[in-house]
Amino acid sequence: MHVVVDGANVVGSRPDGWWRDRPGAARRLAGRLAAALTVDPAPLADALDHPGADVQVHLVLEGAAAGVEDLPTHPRLAVVHAEGDGDAAIAALAAELAADAPVVVVTADRDLRERVRAAGATTLGPHALLDALPGP
């Protein structure tokens, strides 16, 4: 299964000062995703309503966060640096991936949710993902 993470939307869902350091916020989110995939991806699959699924995460970054190069890595974590509109990149990626496997897009953006559902993906809010990740 594929999980497409709207990085800006997920980071922005908690008022923890992310706006003062957008690249740092992207690093922290990527680090938490990599840690979840390294330690045990089962709780992540459970939280995304796909128990037992083999999880491949696609973290989509836009704006200042898209320029960050030194992000934590993991073989099952692909970072997509959106060249423009992050929502357009997410919608296109979800449509492409939905042809081969289940896709869950993590975002609270209502318009984006409708776009990716039309492409065959399901959606979940940021807190479902964040609560399944290790760390604060």
C-alpha atoms as a PDB file:
ATOM      1  CA  MET A   1       0.000   0.000   0.000  1.00  0.00           C
ATOM      2  CA  HIS A   2       1.081   3.555  -0.656  1.00  0.00           C
ATOM      3  CA  VAL A   3       0.757   6.406   1.807  1.00  0.00           C
ATOM      4  CA  VAL A   4       1.039   9.882   0.314  1.00  0.00           C
ATOM      5  CA  VAL A   5       1.700  12.479   3.008  1.00  0.00           C
ATOM      6  CA  ASP A   6       0.804  16.129   2.439  1.00  0.00           C
ATOM      7  CA  GLY A   7       3.862  17.357   4.349  1.00  0.00           C
ATOM      8  CA  ALA A   8       2.768  20.999   4.656  1.00  0.00           C
ATOM      9  CA  ASN A   9      -0.700  20.054   5.836  1.00  0.00           C
ATOM     10  CA  VAL A  10       0.516  17.466   8.349  1.00  0.00           C
ATOM     11  CA  VAL A  11       3.192  19.769   9.768  1.00  0.00           C
ATOM     12  CA  GLY A  12       0.710  22.627   9.924  1.00  0.00           C
ATOM     13  CA  SER A  13      -1.853  20.593  11.830  1.00  0.00           C
ATOM     14  CA  ARG A  14      -0.093  21.164  15.164  1.00  0.00           C
ATOM     15  CA  PRO A  15       0.880  24.644  16.375  1.00  0.00           C
ATOM     16  CA  ASP A  16       4.361  23.711  17.599  1.00  0.00           C
ATOM     17  CA  GLY A  17       6.273  26.639  16.076  1.00  0.00           C
ATOM     18  CA  TRP A  18       6.871  24.931  12.707  1.00  0.00           C
ATOM     19  CA  TRP A  19       6.450  28.272  10.886  1.00  0.00           C
ATOM     20  CA  ARG A  20       9.712  29.554  12.384  1.00  0.00           C
ATOM     21  CA  ASP A  21      11.699  26.710  10.819  1.00  0.00           C
ATOM     22  CA  ARG A  22       9.958  25.053   7.883  1.00  0.00           C
ATOM     23  CA  PRO A  23      13.030  23.041   6.798  1.00  0.00           C
ATOM     24  CA  GLY A  24      13.464  21.789  10.373  1.00  0.00           C
ATOM     25  CA  ALA A  25       9.786  20.812  10.527  1.00  0.00           C
ATOM     26  CA  ALA A  26      10.204  18.813   7.298  1.00  0.00           C
ATOM     27  CA  ARG A  27      13.271  17.081   8.758  1.00  0.00           C
ATOM     28  CA  ARG A  28      11.400  16.184  11.947  1.00  0.00           C
ATOM     29  CA  LEU A  29       8.439  14.733  10.025  1.00  0.00           C
ATOM     30  CA  ALA A  30      10.719  12.738   7.712  1.00  0.00           C
ATOM     31  CA  GLY A  31      12.633  11.499  10.763  1.00  0.00           C
ATOM     32  CA  ARG A  32       9.475  10.339  12.504  1.00  0.00           C
ATOM     33  CA  LEU A  33       8.298   8.555   9.335  1.00  0.00           C
ATOM     34  CA  ALA A  34      11.693   6.858   8.895  1.00  0.00           C
ATOM     35  CA  ALA A  35      11.701   5.817  12.558  1.00  0.00           C
ATOM     36  CA  ALA A  36       8.226   4.280  12.277  1.00  0.00           C
ATOM     37  CA  LEU A  37       9.272   2.330   9.195  1.00  0.00           C
ATOM     38  CA  THR A  38      12.506   1.192  10.862  1.00  0.00           C
ATOM     39  CA  VAL A  39      11.200   0.178  14.278  1.00  0.00           C
ATOM     40  CA  ASP A  40       7.912  -1.453  13.315  1.00  0.00           C
ATOM     41  CA  PRO A  41       5.684  -0.359  10.423  1.00  0.00           C
ATOM     42  CA  ALA A  42       2.744  -2.440  11.722  1.00  0.00           C
ATOM     43  CA  PRO A  43       1.297   0.313  13.971  1.00  0.00           C
ATOM     44  CA  LEU A  44       1.486   2.700  11.026  1.00  0.00           C
ATOM     45  CA  ALA A  45      -0.420   0.283   8.770  1.00  0.00           C
ATOM     46  CA  ASP A  46      -2.967  -0.256  11.551  1.00  0.00           C
ATOM     47  CA  ALA A  47      -3.483   3.492  12.035  1.00  0.00           C
ATOM     48  CA  LEU A  48      -4.058   3.874   8.298  1.00  0.00           C
ATOM     49  CA  ASP A  49      -6.779   1.186   8.352  1.00  0.00           C
ATOM     50  CA  HIS A  50      -4.662  -1.358   6.445  1.00  0.00           C
ATOM     51  CA  PRO A  51      -3.497  -3.847   9.110  1.00  0.00           C
ATOM     52  CA  GLY A  52      -0.642  -6.050   7.963  1.00  0.00           C
ATOM     53  CA  ALA A  53      -0.017  -4.034   4.794  1.00  0.00           C
ATOM     54  CA  ASP A  54       3.456  -3.477   3.401  1.00  0.00           C
ATOM     55  CA  VAL A  55       3.725   0.317   3.649  1.00  0.00           C
ATOM     56  CA  GLN A  56       5.522   2.587   1.167  1.00  0.00           C
ATOM     57  CA  VAL A  57       5.448   6.252   2.245  1.00  0.00           C
ATOM     58  CA  HIS A  58       5.675   9.201  -0.156  1.00  0.00           C
ATOM     59  CA  LEU A  59       6.310  12.486   1.669  1.00  0.00           C
ATOM     60  CA  VAL A  60       5.408  15.446  -0.546  1.00  0.00           C
ATOM     61  CA  LEU A  61       7.151  18.698   0.375  1.00  0.00           C
ATOM     62  CA  GLU A  62       6.502  22.120  -1.120  1.00  0.00           C
ATOM     63  CA  GLY A  63       7.707  25.685  -0.672  1.00  0.00           C
ATOM     64  CA  ALA A  64      10.695  26.210   1.632  1.00  0.00           C
ATOM     65  CA  ALA A  65      10.524  22.585   2.769  1.00  0.00           C
ATOM     66  CA  ALA A  66      10.895  21.311  -0.815  1.00  0.00           C
ATOM     67  CA  GLY A  67      14.446  22.651  -0.924  1.00  0.00           C
ATOM     68  CA  VAL A  68      15.620  20.559   2.027  1.00  0.00           C
ATOM     69  CA  GLU A  69      18.119  17.953   0.851  1.00  0.00           C
ATOM     70  CA  ASP A  70      19.475  16.428   4.077  1.00  0.00           C
ATOM     71  CA  LEU A  71      16.363  14.573   5.183  1.00  0.00           C
ATOM     72  CA  PRO A  72      16.346  11.306   7.105  1.00  0.00           C
ATOM     73  CA  THR A  73      15.984   8.378   4.724  1.00  0.00           C
ATOM     74  CA  HIS A  74      14.563   4.881   4.647  1.00  0.00           C
ATOM     75  CA  PRO A  75      14.118   2.440   1.732  1.00  0.00           C
ATOM     76  CA  ARG A  76      10.319   2.668   2.150  1.00  0.00           C
ATOM     77  CA  LEU A  77      10.275   6.475   2.360  1.00  0.00           C
ATOM     78  CA  ALA A  78      10.294   8.434  -0.890  1.00  0.00           C
ATOM     79  CA  VAL A  79      10.517  12.214  -0.645  1.00  0.00           C
ATOM     80  CA  VAL A  80       8.832  14.165  -3.430  1.00  0.00           C
ATOM     81  CA  HIS A  81      10.023  17.747  -3.822  1.00  0.00           C
ATOM     82  CA  ALA A  82       7.075  19.528  -5.463  1.00  0.00           C
ATOM     83  CA  GLU A  83       8.309  22.091  -7.961  1.00  0.00           C
ATOM     84  CA  GLY A  84       5.161  24.174  -7.654  1.00  0.00           C
ATOM     85  CA  ASP A  85       1.763  23.447  -6.225  1.00  0.00           C
ATOM     86  CA  GLY A  86       2.034  20.647  -3.681  1.00  0.00           C
ATOM     87  CA  ASP A  87      -1.629  19.711  -4.043  1.00  0.00           C
ATOM     88  CA  ALA A  88      -1.214  19.158  -7.784  1.00  0.00           C
ATOM     89  CA  ALA A  89       1.828  16.953  -7.123  1.00  0.00           C
ATOM     90  CA  ILE A  90      -0.099  14.943  -4.518  1.00  0.00           C
ATOM     91  CA  ALA A  91      -3.126  14.480  -6.765  1.00  0.00           C
ATOM     92  CA  ALA A  92      -0.978  13.355  -9.698  1.00  0.00           C
ATOM     93  CA  LEU A  93       1.046  10.961  -7.533  1.00  0.00           C
ATOM     94  CA  ALA A  94      -2.082   9.466  -5.950  1.00  0.00           C
ATOM     95  CA  ALA A  95      -3.646   8.898  -9.358  1.00  0.00           C
ATOM     96  CA  GLU A  96      -0.474   7.242 -10.658  1.00  0.00           C
ATOM     97  CA  LEU A  97      -0.049   4.970  -7.631  1.00  0.00           C
ATOM     98  CA  ALA A  98      -3.749   4.011  -7.379  1.00  0.00           C
ATOM     99  CA  ALA A  99      -3.445   2.076 -10.631  1.00  0.00           C
ATOM    100  CA  ASP A 100      -1.313  -0.572  -8.888  1.00  0.00           C
ATOM    101  CA  ALA A 101      -2.133  -0.658  -5.167  1.00  0.00           C
ATOM    102  CA  PRO A 102      -4.268   0.905  -2.445  1.00  0.00           C
ATOM    103  CA  VAL A 103      -3.394   4.552  -1.756  1.00  0.00           C
ATOM    104  CA  VAL A 104      -4.091   6.548   1.386  1.00  0.00           C
ATOM    105  CA  VAL A 105      -3.514  10.302   1.220  1.00  0.00           C
ATOM    106  CA  VAL A 106      -2.924  11.982   4.567  1.00  0.00           C
ATOM    107  CA  THR A 107      -4.282  15.534   4.509  1.00  0.00           C
ATOM    108  CA  ALA A 108      -6.970  17.702   6.050  1.00  0.00           C
ATOM    109  CA  ASP A 109      -7.375  19.786   2.889  1.00  0.00           C
ATOM    110  CA  ARG A 110     -10.995  19.264   1.792  1.00  0.00           C
ATOM    111  CA  ASP A 111     -10.447  20.132  -1.867  1.00  0.00           C
ATOM    112  CA  LEU A 112      -7.427  17.837  -2.095  1.00  0.00           C
ATOM    113  CA  ARG A 113      -9.360  15.026  -0.409  1.00  0.00           C
ATOM    114  CA  GLU A 114     -12.029  15.242  -3.107  1.00  0.00           C
ATOM    115  CA  ARG A 115      -9.423  15.287  -5.892  1.00  0.00           C
ATOM    116  CA  VAL A 116      -7.587  12.185  -4.681  1.00  0.00           C
ATOM    117  CA  ARG A 117     -10.777  10.282  -3.900  1.00  0.00           C
ATOM    118  CA  ALA A 118     -11.826  10.846  -7.516  1.00  0.00           C
ATOM    119  CA  ALA A 119      -8.511   9.234  -8.500  1.00  0.00           C
ATOM    120  CA  GLY A 120      -9.238   6.123  -6.410  1.00  0.00           C
ATOM    121  CA  ALA A 121      -7.384   6.957  -3.185  1.00  0.00           C
ATOM    122  CA  THR A 122      -8.757   7.044   0.329  1.00  0.00           C
ATOM    123  CA  THR A 123      -7.905   9.775   2.832  1.00  0.00           C
ATOM    124  CA  LEU A 124      -7.158  10.213   6.495  1.00  0.00           C
ATOM    125  CA  GLY A 125      -6.481  13.292   8.591  1.00  0.00           C
ATOM    126  CA  PRO A 126      -3.033  14.296   9.867  1.00  0.00           C
ATOM    127  CA  HIS A 127      -3.695  13.260  13.468  1.00  0.00           C
ATOM    128  CA  ALA A 128      -4.274   9.614  12.498  1.00  0.00           C
ATOM    129  CA  LEU A 129      -0.754   9.580  11.061  1.00  0.00           C
ATOM    130  CA  LEU A 130       0.943  11.696  13.727  1.00  0.00           C
ATOM    131  CA  ASP A 131      -0.512   9.638  16.570  1.00  0.00           C
ATOM    132  CA  ALA A 132       0.985   6.472  15.022  1.00  0.00           C
ATOM    133  CA  LEU A 133       4.500   7.917  14.718  1.00  0.00           C
ATOM    134  CA  PRO A 134       7.172   7.724  17.403  1.00  0.00           C
ATOM    135  CA  GLY A 135       8.292  10.957  19.010  1.00  0.00           C
ATOM    136  CA  PRO A 136       6.500  14.128  19.980  1.00  0.00           C
END
